[in-house]
Amino acid sequence: MLGLEKAPRGTAGYDFTDANGRRVQVKTKVPHTAWSDQLVKILYVSNLKPDLADDLIIAYRDKESHWRHIGPVAIADLPSRPHKAGPRYFLKDIINIISSSICGR
């Protein structure tokens, strides 16, 4: 759907490559029944491999059970927040990065 090529089975740190050879890590999120602005504020992604992947795509199912995605966005551009289990990347920050890059064009 996004023109990505699946990485070989067992590849560490990324799931796909794009047409430019960038390594893409895909994280799936299952929204709660009330997918809302409040959920966007608290939803986060962890366990990213910024040393092994270039870009991030978040795939999720919307209220109507259609698959949607956010990104791709360069992992290097994402602000992380420290956590005892490792850095967390919050969805609202990811959306802000994407919005600012679209508006800045």
PDB file of N, CA and C in Angstrom:
ATOM      1  N   MET A   1       0.817  -1.195   0.000  1.00  0.00           N
ATOM      2  CA  MET A   1       0.000   0.000   0.000  1.00  0.00           C
ATOM      3  C   MET A   1       0.861   1.259   0.000  1.00  0.00           C
ATOM      4  N   LEU A   2       1.958   1.254   0.711  1.00  0.00           N
ATOM      5  CA  LEU A   2       2.806   2.442   0.806  1.00  0.00           C
ATOM      6  C   LEU A   2       4.057   2.339  -0.066  1.00  0.00           C
ATOM      7  N   GLY A   3       4.128   1.315  -0.890  1.00  0.00           N
ATOM      8  CA  GLY A   3       5.288   1.153  -1.758  1.00  0.00           C
ATOM      9  C   GLY A   3       6.534   0.712  -1.011  1.00  0.00           C
ATOM     10  N   LEU A   4       6.345  -0.055   0.040  1.00  0.00           N
ATOM     11  CA  LEU A   4       7.464  -0.525   0.846  1.00  0.00           C
ATOM     12  C   LEU A   4       7.781  -1.974   0.514  1.00  0.00           C
ATOM     13  N   GLU A   5       9.047  -2.329   0.679  1.00  0.00           N
ATOM     14  CA  GLU A   5       9.460  -3.710   0.464  1.00  0.00           C
ATOM     15  C   GLU A   5       9.777  -4.339   1.812  1.00  0.00           C
ATOM     16  N   LYS A   6       9.186  -5.486   2.074  1.00  0.00           N
ATOM     17  CA  LYS A   6       9.373  -6.160   3.357  1.00  0.00           C
ATOM     18  C   LYS A   6      10.834  -6.552   3.544  1.00  0.00           C
ATOM     19  N   ALA A   7      11.335  -6.304   4.740  1.00  0.00           N
ATOM     20  CA  ALA A   7      12.704  -6.705   5.078  1.00  0.00           C
ATOM     21  C   ALA A   7      12.762  -8.225   5.189  1.00  0.00           C
ATOM     22  N   PRO A   8      13.928  -8.799   4.961  1.00  0.00           N
ATOM     23  CA  PRO A   8      14.049 -10.248   5.110  1.00  0.00           C
ATOM     24  C   PRO A   8      13.665 -10.700   6.524  1.00  0.00           C
ATOM     25  N   ARG A   9      13.110 -11.886   6.607  1.00  0.00           N
ATOM     26  CA  ARG A   9      12.686 -12.444   7.895  1.00  0.00           C
ATOM     27  C   ARG A   9      13.856 -12.436   8.881  1.00  0.00           C
ATOM     28  N   GLY A  10      13.563 -11.995  10.099  1.00  0.00           N
ATOM     29  CA  GLY A  10      14.578 -11.969  11.145  1.00  0.00           C
ATOM     30  C   GLY A  10      15.456 -10.731  11.143  1.00  0.00           C
ATOM     31  N   THR A  11      15.179  -9.782  10.253  1.00  0.00           N
ATOM     32  CA  THR A  11      15.968  -8.547  10.226  1.00  0.00           C
ATOM     33  C   THR A  11      15.754  -7.773  11.514  1.00  0.00           C
ATOM     34  N   ALA A  12      16.821  -7.394  12.153  1.00  0.00           N
ATOM     35  CA  ALA A  12      16.735  -6.674  13.424  1.00  0.00           C
ATOM     36  C   ALA A  12      16.514  -5.183  13.188  1.00  0.00           C
ATOM     37  N   GLY A  13      15.531  -4.601  13.909  1.00  0.00           N
ATOM     38  CA  GLY A  13      15.387  -3.157  13.978  1.00  0.00           C
ATOM     39  C   GLY A  13      14.502  -2.476  12.975  1.00  0.00           C
ATOM     40  N   TYR A  14      14.180  -3.111  11.869  1.00  0.00           N
ATOM     41  CA  TYR A  14      13.273  -2.483  10.908  1.00  0.00           C
ATOM     42  C   TYR A  14      12.463  -3.548  10.182  1.00  0.00           C
ATOM     43  N   ASP A  15      11.354  -3.091   9.603  1.00  0.00           N
ATOM     44  CA  ASP A  15      10.401  -4.015   8.990  1.00  0.00           C
ATOM     45  C   ASP A  15      10.361  -3.932   7.467  1.00  0.00           C
ATOM     46  N   PHE A  16      10.634  -2.748   6.927  1.00  0.00           N
ATOM     47  CA  PHE A  16      10.532  -2.511   5.494  1.00  0.00           C
ATOM     48  C   PHE A  16      11.639  -1.575   5.036  1.00  0.00           C
ATOM     49  N   THR A  17      11.836  -1.500   3.717  1.00  0.00           N
ATOM     50  CA  THR A  17      12.647  -0.447   3.116  1.00  0.00           C
ATOM     51  C   THR A  17      11.776   0.274   2.105  1.00  0.00           C
ATOM     52  N   ASP A  18      12.042   1.571   1.923  1.00  0.00           N
ATOM     53  CA  ASP A  18      11.270   2.321   0.932  1.00  0.00           C
ATOM     54  C   ASP A  18      12.050   2.384  -0.379  1.00  0.00           C
ATOM     55  N   ALA A  19      11.519   3.086  -1.357  1.00  0.00           N
ATOM     56  CA  ALA A  19      12.128   3.160  -2.682  1.00  0.00           C
ATOM     57  C   ALA A  19      13.503   3.822  -2.654  1.00  0.00           C
ATOM     58  N   ASN A  20      13.784   4.617  -1.609  1.00  0.00           N
ATOM     59  CA  ASN A  20      15.083   5.281  -1.481  1.00  0.00           C
ATOM     60  C   ASN A  20      16.064   4.503  -0.618  1.00  0.00           C
ATOM     61  N   GLY A  21      15.666   3.309  -0.189  1.00  0.00           N
ATOM     62  CA  GLY A  21      16.533   2.482   0.637  1.00  0.00           C
ATOM     63  C   GLY A  21      16.501   2.817   2.125  1.00  0.00           C
ATOM     64  N   ARG A  22      15.593   3.705   2.526  1.00  0.00           N
ATOM     65  CA  ARG A  22      15.475   4.041   3.951  1.00  0.00           C
ATOM     66  C   ARG A  22      14.800   2.888   4.683  1.00  0.00           C
ATOM     67  N   ARG A  23      15.317   2.578   5.856  1.00  0.00           N
ATOM     68  CA  ARG A  23      14.783   1.479   6.670  1.00  0.00           C
ATOM     69  C   ARG A  23      13.619   2.005   7.503  1.00  0.00           C
ATOM     70  N   VAL A  24      12.496   1.319   7.430  1.00  0.00           N
ATOM     71  CA  VAL A  24      11.262   1.780   8.067  1.00  0.00           C
ATOM     72  C   VAL A  24      10.836   0.791   9.143  1.00  0.00           C
ATOM     73  N   GLN A  25      10.619   1.322  10.339  1.00  0.00           N
ATOM     74  CA  GLN A  25      10.087   0.519  11.437  1.00  0.00           C
ATOM     75  C   GLN A  25       8.602   0.839  11.556  1.00  0.00           C
ATOM     76  N   VAL A  26       7.768  -0.174  11.616  1.00  0.00           N
ATOM     77  CA  VAL A  26       6.326   0.009  11.732  1.00  0.00           C
ATOM     78  C   VAL A  26       5.890  -0.434  13.121  1.00  0.00           C
ATOM     79  N   LYS A  27       5.151   0.432  13.778  1.00  0.00           N
ATOM     80  CA  LYS A  27       4.566   0.102  15.080  1.00  0.00           C
ATOM     81  C   LYS A  27       3.057   0.141  14.920  1.00  0.00           C
ATOM     82  N   THR A  28       2.381  -0.851  15.428  1.00  0.00           N
ATOM     83  CA  THR A  28       0.919  -0.871  15.367  1.00  0.00           C
ATOM     84  C   THR A  28       0.365  -0.497  16.731  1.00  0.00           C
ATOM     85  N   LYS A  29      -0.715   0.230  16.680  1.00  0.00           N
ATOM     86  CA  LYS A  29      -1.406   0.631  17.898  1.00  0.00           C
ATOM     87  C   LYS A  29      -2.877   0.282  17.737  1.00  0.00           C
ATOM     88  N   VAL A  30      -3.423  -0.286  18.762  1.00  0.00           N
ATOM     89  CA  VAL A  30      -4.845  -0.616  18.773  1.00  0.00           C
ATOM     90  C   VAL A  30      -5.528   0.427  19.644  1.00  0.00           C
ATOM     91  N   PRO A  31      -6.316   1.307  19.025  1.00  0.00           N
ATOM     92  CA  PRO A  31      -6.973   2.341  19.832  1.00  0.00           C
ATOM     93  C   PRO A  31      -8.058   1.748  20.702  1.00  0.00           C
ATOM     94  N   HIS A  32      -8.288   2.400  21.803  1.00  0.00           N
ATOM     95  CA  HIS A  32      -9.403   2.007  22.655  1.00  0.00           C
ATOM     96  C   HIS A  32     -10.695   2.379  21.941  1.00  0.00           C
ATOM     97  N   THR A  33     -11.807   1.957  22.440  1.00  0.00           N
ATOM     98  CA  THR A  33     -13.071   2.231  21.763  1.00  0.00           C
ATOM     99  C   THR A  33     -13.335   3.719  21.607  1.00  0.00           C
ATOM    100  N   ALA A  34     -12.771   4.518  22.488  1.00  0.00           N
ATOM    101  CA  ALA A  34     -12.974   5.967  22.406  1.00  0.00           C
ATOM    102  C   ALA A  34     -11.714   6.626  21.859  1.00  0.00           C
ATOM    103  N   TRP A  35     -11.395   6.388  20.576  1.00  0.00           N
ATOM    104  CA  TRP A  35     -10.249   7.039  19.942  1.00  0.00           C
ATOM    105  C   TRP A  35     -10.555   8.529  19.945  1.00  0.00           C
ATOM    106  N   SER A  36      -9.780   9.291  20.684  1.00  0.00           N
ATOM    107  CA  SER A  36     -10.120  10.694  20.878  1.00  0.00           C
ATOM    108  C   SER A  36      -8.867  11.534  20.974  1.00  0.00           C
ATOM    109  N   ASP A  37      -9.056  12.850  21.053  1.00  0.00           N
ATOM    110  CA  ASP A  37      -7.930  13.759  21.232  1.00  0.00           C
ATOM    111  C   ASP A  37      -7.196  13.437  22.526  1.00  0.00           C
ATOM    112  N   GLN A  38      -7.917  13.035  23.550  1.00  0.00           N
ATOM    113  CA  GLN A  38      -7.273  12.695  24.821  1.00  0.00           C
ATOM    114  C   GLN A  38      -6.334  11.507  24.641  1.00  0.00           C
ATOM    115  N   LEU A  39      -6.750  10.515  23.879  1.00  0.00           N
ATOM    116  CA  LEU A  39      -5.914   9.351  23.645  1.00  0.00           C
ATOM    117  C   LEU A  39      -4.653   9.749  22.878  1.00  0.00           C
ATOM    118  N   VAL A  40      -4.799  10.658  21.906  1.00  0.00           N
ATOM    119  CA  VAL A  40      -3.638  11.116  21.142  1.00  0.00           C
ATOM    120  C   VAL A  40      -2.616  11.764  22.074  1.00  0.00           C
ATOM    121  N   LYS A  41      -3.079  12.433  23.112  1.00  0.00           N
ATOM    122  CA  LYS A  41      -2.168  13.100  24.044  1.00  0.00           C
ATOM    123  C   LYS A  41      -1.354  12.111  24.860  1.00  0.00           C
ATOM    124  N   ILE A  42      -1.885  10.933  25.132  1.00  0.00           N
ATOM    125  CA  ILE A  42      -1.187  10.003  26.023  1.00  0.00           C
ATOM    126  C   ILE A  42      -0.582   8.790  25.314  1.00  0.00           C
ATOM    127  N   LEU A  43      -0.973   8.526  24.075  1.00  0.00           N
ATOM    128  CA  LEU A  43      -0.468   7.354  23.362  1.00  0.00           C
ATOM    129  C   LEU A  43       1.021   7.529  23.055  1.00  0.00           C
ATOM    130  N   TYR A  44       1.795   6.487  23.270  1.00  0.00           N
ATOM    131  CA  TYR A  44       3.223   6.569  23.002  1.00  0.00           C
ATOM    132  C   TYR A  44       3.722   5.306  22.312  1.00  0.00           C
ATOM    133  N   VAL A  45       4.913   5.426  21.763  1.00  0.00           N
ATOM    134  CA  VAL A  45       5.606   4.317  21.125  1.00  0.00           C
ATOM    135  C   VAL A  45       6.911   4.137  21.884  1.00  0.00           C
ATOM    136  N   SER A  46       7.270   2.913  22.133  1.00  0.00           N
ATOM    137  CA  SER A  46       8.556   2.628  22.779  1.00  0.00           C
ATOM    138  C   SER A  46       9.257   1.533  21.987  1.00  0.00           C
ATOM    139  N   ASN A  47      10.418   1.174  22.419  1.00  0.00           N
ATOM    140  CA  ASN A  47      11.217   0.115  21.786  1.00  0.00           C
ATOM    141  C   ASN A  47      11.591   0.419  20.343  1.00  0.00           C
ATOM    142  N   LEU A  48      11.747   1.703  20.004  1.00  0.00           N
ATOM    143  CA  LEU A  48      12.252   2.045  18.678  1.00  0.00           C
ATOM    144  C   LEU A  48      13.727   1.715  18.615  1.00  0.00           C
ATOM    145  N   LYS A  49      14.204   1.463  17.433  1.00  0.00           N
ATOM    146  CA  LYS A  49      15.618   1.162  17.219  1.00  0.00           C
ATOM    147  C   LYS A  49      16.212   2.257  16.328  1.00  0.00           C
ATOM    148  N   PRO A  50      16.439   3.465  16.881  1.00  0.00           N
ATOM    149  CA  PRO A  50      16.905   4.573  16.041  1.00  0.00           C
ATOM    150  C   PRO A  50      18.268   4.328  15.402  1.00  0.00           C
ATOM    151  N   ASP A  51      19.055   3.419  15.965  1.00  0.00           N
ATOM    152  CA  ASP A  51      20.344   3.106  15.358  1.00  0.00           C
ATOM    153  C   ASP A  51      20.210   2.099  14.217  1.00  0.00           C
ATOM    154  N   LEU A  52      19.054   1.445  14.090  1.00  0.00           N
ATOM    155  CA  LEU A  52      18.849   0.438  13.047  1.00  0.00           C
ATOM    156  C   LEU A  52      17.813   0.838  12.004  1.00  0.00           C
ATOM    157  N   ALA A  53      16.950   1.806  12.315  1.00  0.00           N
ATOM    158  CA  ALA A  53      15.898   2.221  11.391  1.00  0.00           C
ATOM    159  C   ALA A  53      15.988   3.723  11.155  1.00  0.00           C
ATOM    160  N   ASP A  54      15.546   4.155   9.984  1.00  0.00           N
ATOM    161  CA  ASP A  54      15.577   5.580   9.635  1.00  0.00           C
ATOM    162  C   ASP A  54      14.238   6.260   9.905  1.00  0.00           C
ATOM    163  N   ASP A  55      13.160   5.574   9.579  1.00  0.00           N
ATOM    164  CA  ASP A  55      11.827   6.182   9.642  1.00  0.00           C
ATOM    165  C   ASP A  55      10.867   5.335  10.462  1.00  0.00           C
ATOM    166  N   LEU A  56       9.804   5.997  10.914  1.00  0.00           N
ATOM    167  CA  LEU A  56       8.753   5.339  11.689  1.00  0.00           C
ATOM    168  C   LEU A  56       7.411   5.556  11.006  1.00  0.00           C
ATOM    169  N   ILE A  57       6.623   4.503  10.960  1.00  0.00           N
ATOM    170  CA  ILE A  57       5.216   4.570  10.553  1.00  0.00           C
ATOM    171  C   ILE A  57       4.412   3.935  11.674  1.00  0.00           C
ATOM    172  N   ILE A  58       3.340   4.605  12.077  1.00  0.00           N
ATOM    173  CA  ILE A  58       2.419   4.037  13.056  1.00  0.00           C
ATOM    174  C   ILE A  58       1.161   3.625  12.312  1.00  0.00           C
ATOM    175  N   ALA A  59       0.809   2.361  12.391  1.00  0.00           N
ATOM    176  CA  ALA A  59      -0.402   1.839  11.768  1.00  0.00           C
ATOM    177  C   ALA A  59      -1.435   1.585  12.855  1.00  0.00           C
ATOM    178  N   TYR A  60      -2.677   1.950  12.568  1.00  0.00           N
ATOM    179  CA  TYR A  60      -3.750   1.757  13.548  1.00  0.00           C
ATOM    180  C   TYR A  60      -5.077   1.565  12.824  1.00  0.00           C
ATOM    181  N   ARG A  61      -6.046   1.066  13.550  1.00  0.00           N
ATOM    182  CA  ARG A  61      -7.405   0.911  13.019  1.00  0.00           C
ATOM    183  C   ARG A  61      -8.258   2.028  13.596  1.00  0.00           C
ATOM    184  N   ASP A  62      -8.991   2.711  12.720  1.00  0.00           N
ATOM    185  CA  ASP A  62      -9.836   3.809  13.184  1.00  0.00           C
ATOM    186  C   ASP A  62     -11.161   3.278  13.725  1.00  0.00           C
ATOM    187  N   LYS A  63     -12.048   4.198  14.091  1.00  0.00           N
ATOM    188  CA  LYS A  63     -13.341   3.805  14.685  1.00  0.00           C
ATOM    189  C   LYS A  63     -14.159   2.904  13.774  1.00  0.00           C
ATOM    190  N   GLU A  64     -13.978   3.080  12.466  1.00  0.00           N
ATOM    191  CA  GLU A  64     -14.724   2.263  11.495  1.00  0.00           C
ATOM    192  C   GLU A  64     -13.963   0.993  11.109  1.00  0.00           C
ATOM    193  N   SER A  65     -12.906   0.696  11.822  1.00  0.00           N
ATOM    194  CA  SER A  65     -12.065  -0.495  11.606  1.00  0.00           C
ATOM    195  C   SER A  65     -11.316  -0.470  10.276  1.00  0.00           C
ATOM    196  N   HIS A  66     -11.038   0.720   9.754  1.00  0.00           N
ATOM    197  CA  HIS A  66     -10.188   0.851   8.564  1.00  0.00           C
ATOM    198  C   HIS A  66      -8.749   1.055   9.017  1.00  0.00           C
ATOM    199  N   TRP A  67      -7.813   0.458   8.273  1.00  0.00           N
ATOM    200  CA  TRP A  67      -6.406   0.668   8.597  1.00  0.00           C
ATOM    201  C   TRP A  67      -5.984   2.054   8.149  1.00  0.00           C
ATOM    202  N   ARG A  68      -5.298   2.766   9.005  1.00  0.00           N
ATOM    203  CA  ARG A  68      -4.773   4.101   8.746  1.00  0.00           C
ATOM    204  C   ARG A  68      -3.302   4.108   9.163  1.00  0.00           C
ATOM    205  N   HIS A  69      -2.597   5.143   8.749  1.00  0.00           N
ATOM    206  CA  HIS A  69      -1.206   5.251   9.200  1.00  0.00           C
ATOM    207  C   HIS A  69      -0.829   6.708   9.429  1.00  0.00           C
ATOM    208  N   ILE A  70       0.160   6.885  10.261  1.00  0.00           N
ATOM    209  CA  ILE A  70       0.758   8.182  10.541  1.00  0.00           C
ATOM    210  C   ILE A  70       2.227   8.042  10.166  1.00  0.00           C
ATOM    211  N   GLY A  71       2.707   8.939   9.342  1.00  0.00           N
ATOM    212  CA  GLY A  71       4.098   8.908   8.907  1.00  0.00           C
ATOM    213  C   GLY A  71       4.199   8.504   7.460  1.00  0.00           C
ATOM    214  N   PRO A  72       5.367   8.262   6.966  1.00  0.00           N
ATOM    215  CA  PRO A  72       6.603   8.080   7.712  1.00  0.00           C
ATOM    216  C   PRO A  72       7.175   9.397   8.227  1.00  0.00           C
ATOM    217  N   VAL A  73       7.910   9.291   9.301  1.00  0.00           N
ATOM    218  CA  VAL A  73       8.613  10.411   9.898  1.00  0.00           C
ATOM    219  C   VAL A  73      10.007   9.917  10.297  1.00  0.00           C
ATOM    220  N   ALA A  74      10.996  10.774  10.099  1.00  0.00           N
ATOM    221  CA  ALA A  74      12.378  10.399  10.447  1.00  0.00           C
ATOM    222  C   ALA A  74      12.508  10.240  11.956  1.00  0.00           C
ATOM    223  N   ILE A  75      12.975   9.088  12.387  1.00  0.00           N
ATOM    224  CA  ILE A  75      13.136   8.820  13.813  1.00  0.00           C
ATOM    225  C   ILE A  75      14.102   9.827  14.436  1.00  0.00           C
ATOM    226  N   ALA A  76      15.120  10.226  13.700  1.00  0.00           N
ATOM    227  CA  ALA A  76      16.104  11.179  14.227  1.00  0.00           C
ATOM    228  C   ALA A  76      15.472  12.523  14.583  1.00  0.00           C
ATOM    229  N   ASP A  77      14.334  12.854  13.956  1.00  0.00           N
ATOM    230  CA  ASP A  77      13.652  14.127  14.220  1.00  0.00           C
ATOM    231  C   ASP A  77      12.724  14.069  15.430  1.00  0.00           C
ATOM    232  N   LEU A  78      12.485  12.886  15.964  1.00  0.00           N
ATOM    233  CA  LEU A  78      11.499  12.735  17.032  1.00  0.00           C
ATOM    234  C   LEU A  78      12.081  13.018  18.405  1.00  0.00           C
ATOM    235  N   PRO A  79      11.406  13.881  19.169  1.00  0.00           N
ATOM    236  CA  PRO A  79      11.845  14.061  20.551  1.00  0.00           C
ATOM    237  C   PRO A  79      11.386  12.869  21.390  1.00  0.00           C
ATOM    238  N   SER A  80      12.258  12.417  22.269  1.00  0.00           N
ATOM    239  CA  SER A  80      11.876  11.310  23.144  1.00  0.00           C
ATOM    240  C   SER A  80      11.828  11.819  24.580  1.00  0.00           C
ATOM    241  N   ARG A  81      11.120  11.081  25.390  1.00  0.00           N
ATOM    242  CA  ARG A  81      11.030  11.400  26.814  1.00  0.00           C
ATOM    243  C   ARG A  81      11.573  10.208  27.580  1.00  0.00           C
ATOM    244  N   PRO A  82      12.428  10.481  28.549  1.00  0.00           N
ATOM    245  CA  PRO A  82      13.013   9.355  29.293  1.00  0.00           C
ATOM    246  C   PRO A  82      11.976   8.613  30.127  1.00  0.00           C
ATOM    247  N   HIS A  83      12.202   7.332  30.256  1.00  0.00           N
ATOM    248  CA  HIS A  83      11.352   6.482  31.070  1.00  0.00           C
ATOM    249  C   HIS A  83      12.221   5.342  31.568  1.00  0.00           C
ATOM    250  N   LYS A  84      11.885   4.781  32.706  1.00  0.00           N
ATOM    251  CA  LYS A  84      12.715   3.710  33.272  1.00  0.00           C
ATOM    252  C   LYS A  84      12.821   2.503  32.347  1.00  0.00           C
ATOM    253  N   ALA A  85      11.811   2.282  31.484  1.00  0.00           N
ATOM    254  CA  ALA A  85      11.836   1.151  30.557  1.00  0.00           C
ATOM    255  C   ALA A  85      12.469   1.516  29.211  1.00  0.00           C
ATOM    256  N   GLY A  86      12.951   2.735  29.089  1.00  0.00           N
ATOM    257  CA  GLY A  86      13.552   3.191  27.833  1.00  0.00           C
ATOM    258  C   GLY A  86      12.794   4.388  27.294  1.00  0.00           C
ATOM    259  N   PRO A  87      13.363   5.086  26.325  1.00  0.00           N
ATOM    260  CA  PRO A  87      12.721   6.309  25.834  1.00  0.00           C
ATOM    261  C   PRO A  87      11.348   6.044  25.227  1.00  0.00           C
ATOM    262  N   ARG A  88      10.469   7.012  25.417  1.00  0.00           N
ATOM    263  CA  ARG A  88       9.126   6.940  24.836  1.00  0.00           C
ATOM    264  C   ARG A  88       8.950   8.089  23.849  1.00  0.00           C
ATOM    265  N   TYR A  89       8.240   7.800  22.783  1.00  0.00           N
ATOM    266  CA  TYR A  89       7.956   8.765  21.735  1.00  0.00           C
ATOM    267  C   TYR A  89       6.446   8.953  21.709  1.00  0.00           C
ATOM    268  N   PHE A  90       5.973  10.134  22.078  1.00  0.00           N
ATOM    269  CA  PHE A  90       4.540  10.351  22.208  1.00  0.00           C
ATOM    270  C   PHE A  90       3.907  10.739  20.881  1.00  0.00           C
ATOM    271  N   LEU A  91       2.716  10.204  20.647  1.00  0.00           N
ATOM    272  CA  LEU A  91       2.009  10.416  19.399  1.00  0.00           C
ATOM    273  C   LEU A  91       1.787  11.895  19.115  1.00  0.00           C
ATOM    274  N   LYS A  92       1.459  12.677  20.129  1.00  0.00           N
ATOM    275  CA  LYS A  92       1.218  14.098  19.884  1.00  0.00           C
ATOM    276  C   LYS A  92       2.497  14.777  19.389  1.00  0.00           C
ATOM    277  N   ASP A  93       3.673  14.371  19.864  1.00  0.00           N
ATOM    278  CA  ASP A  93       4.932  14.934  19.379  1.00  0.00           C
ATOM    279  C   ASP A  93       5.193  14.507  17.935  1.00  0.00           C
ATOM    280  N   ILE A  94       4.886  13.256  17.617  1.00  0.00           N
ATOM    281  CA  ILE A  94       5.057  12.748  16.255  1.00  0.00           C
ATOM    282  C   ILE A  94       4.161  13.521  15.300  1.00  0.00           C
ATOM    283  N   ILE A  95       2.915  13.731  15.681  1.00  0.00           N
ATOM    284  CA  ILE A  95       1.976  14.482  14.844  1.00  0.00           C
ATOM    285  C   ILE A  95       2.453  15.921  14.667  1.00  0.00           C
ATOM    286  N   ASN A  96       2.989  16.530  15.734  1.00  0.00           N
ATOM    287  CA  ASN A  96       3.507  17.892  15.633  1.00  0.00           C
ATOM    288  C   ASN A  96       4.672  17.983  14.656  1.00  0.00           C
ATOM    289  N   ILE A  97       5.568  17.002  14.669  1.00  0.00           N
ATOM    290  CA  ILE A  97       6.696  16.989  13.745  1.00  0.00           C
ATOM    291  C   ILE A  97       6.192  16.886  12.306  1.00  0.00           C
ATOM    292  N   ILE A  98       5.246  15.989  12.060  1.00  0.00           N
ATOM    293  CA  ILE A  98       4.698  15.830  10.713  1.00  0.00           C
ATOM    294  C   ILE A  98       3.990  17.105  10.280  1.00  0.00           C
ATOM    295  N   SER A  99       3.197  17.702  11.167  1.00  0.00           N
ATOM    296  CA  SER A  99       2.461  18.936  10.834  1.00  0.00           C
ATOM    297  C   SER A  99       3.404  20.085  10.530  1.00  0.00           C
ATOM    298  N   SER A 100       4.464  20.210  11.315  1.00  0.00           N
ATOM    299  CA  SER A 100       5.386  21.324  11.082  1.00  0.00           C
ATOM    300  C   SER A 100       6.167  21.142   9.791  1.00  0.00           C
ATOM    301  N   SER A 101       6.461  19.902   9.418  1.00  0.00           N
ATOM    302  CA  SER A 101       7.184  19.685   8.152  1.00  0.00           C
ATOM    303  C   SER A 101       6.271  19.935   6.959  1.00  0.00           C
ATOM    304  N   ILE A 102       4.990  19.637   7.090  1.00  0.00           N
ATOM    305  CA  ILE A 102       4.031  19.919   6.021  1.00  0.00           C
ATOM    306  C   ILE A 102       3.822  21.423   5.886  1.00  0.00           C
ATOM    307  N   CYS A 103       3.669  22.101   7.008  1.00  0.00           N
ATOM    308  CA  CYS A 103       3.443  23.549   6.997  1.00  0.00           C
ATOM    309  C   CYS A 103       4.689  24.308   6.565  1.00  0.00           C
ATOM    310  N   GLY A 104       5.860  23.739   6.805  1.00  0.00           N
ATOM    311  CA  GLY A 104       7.105  24.410   6.483  1.00  0.00           C
ATOM    312  C   GLY A 104       7.518  24.276   5.029  1.00  0.00           C
ATOM    313  N   ARG A 105       6.795  23.502   4.250  1.00  0.00           N
ATOM    314  CA  ARG A 105       7.153  23.299   2.835  1.00  0.00           C
ATOM    315  C   ARG A 105       6.790  24.477   1.999  1.00  0.00           C
TER     316      ARG A 105
END
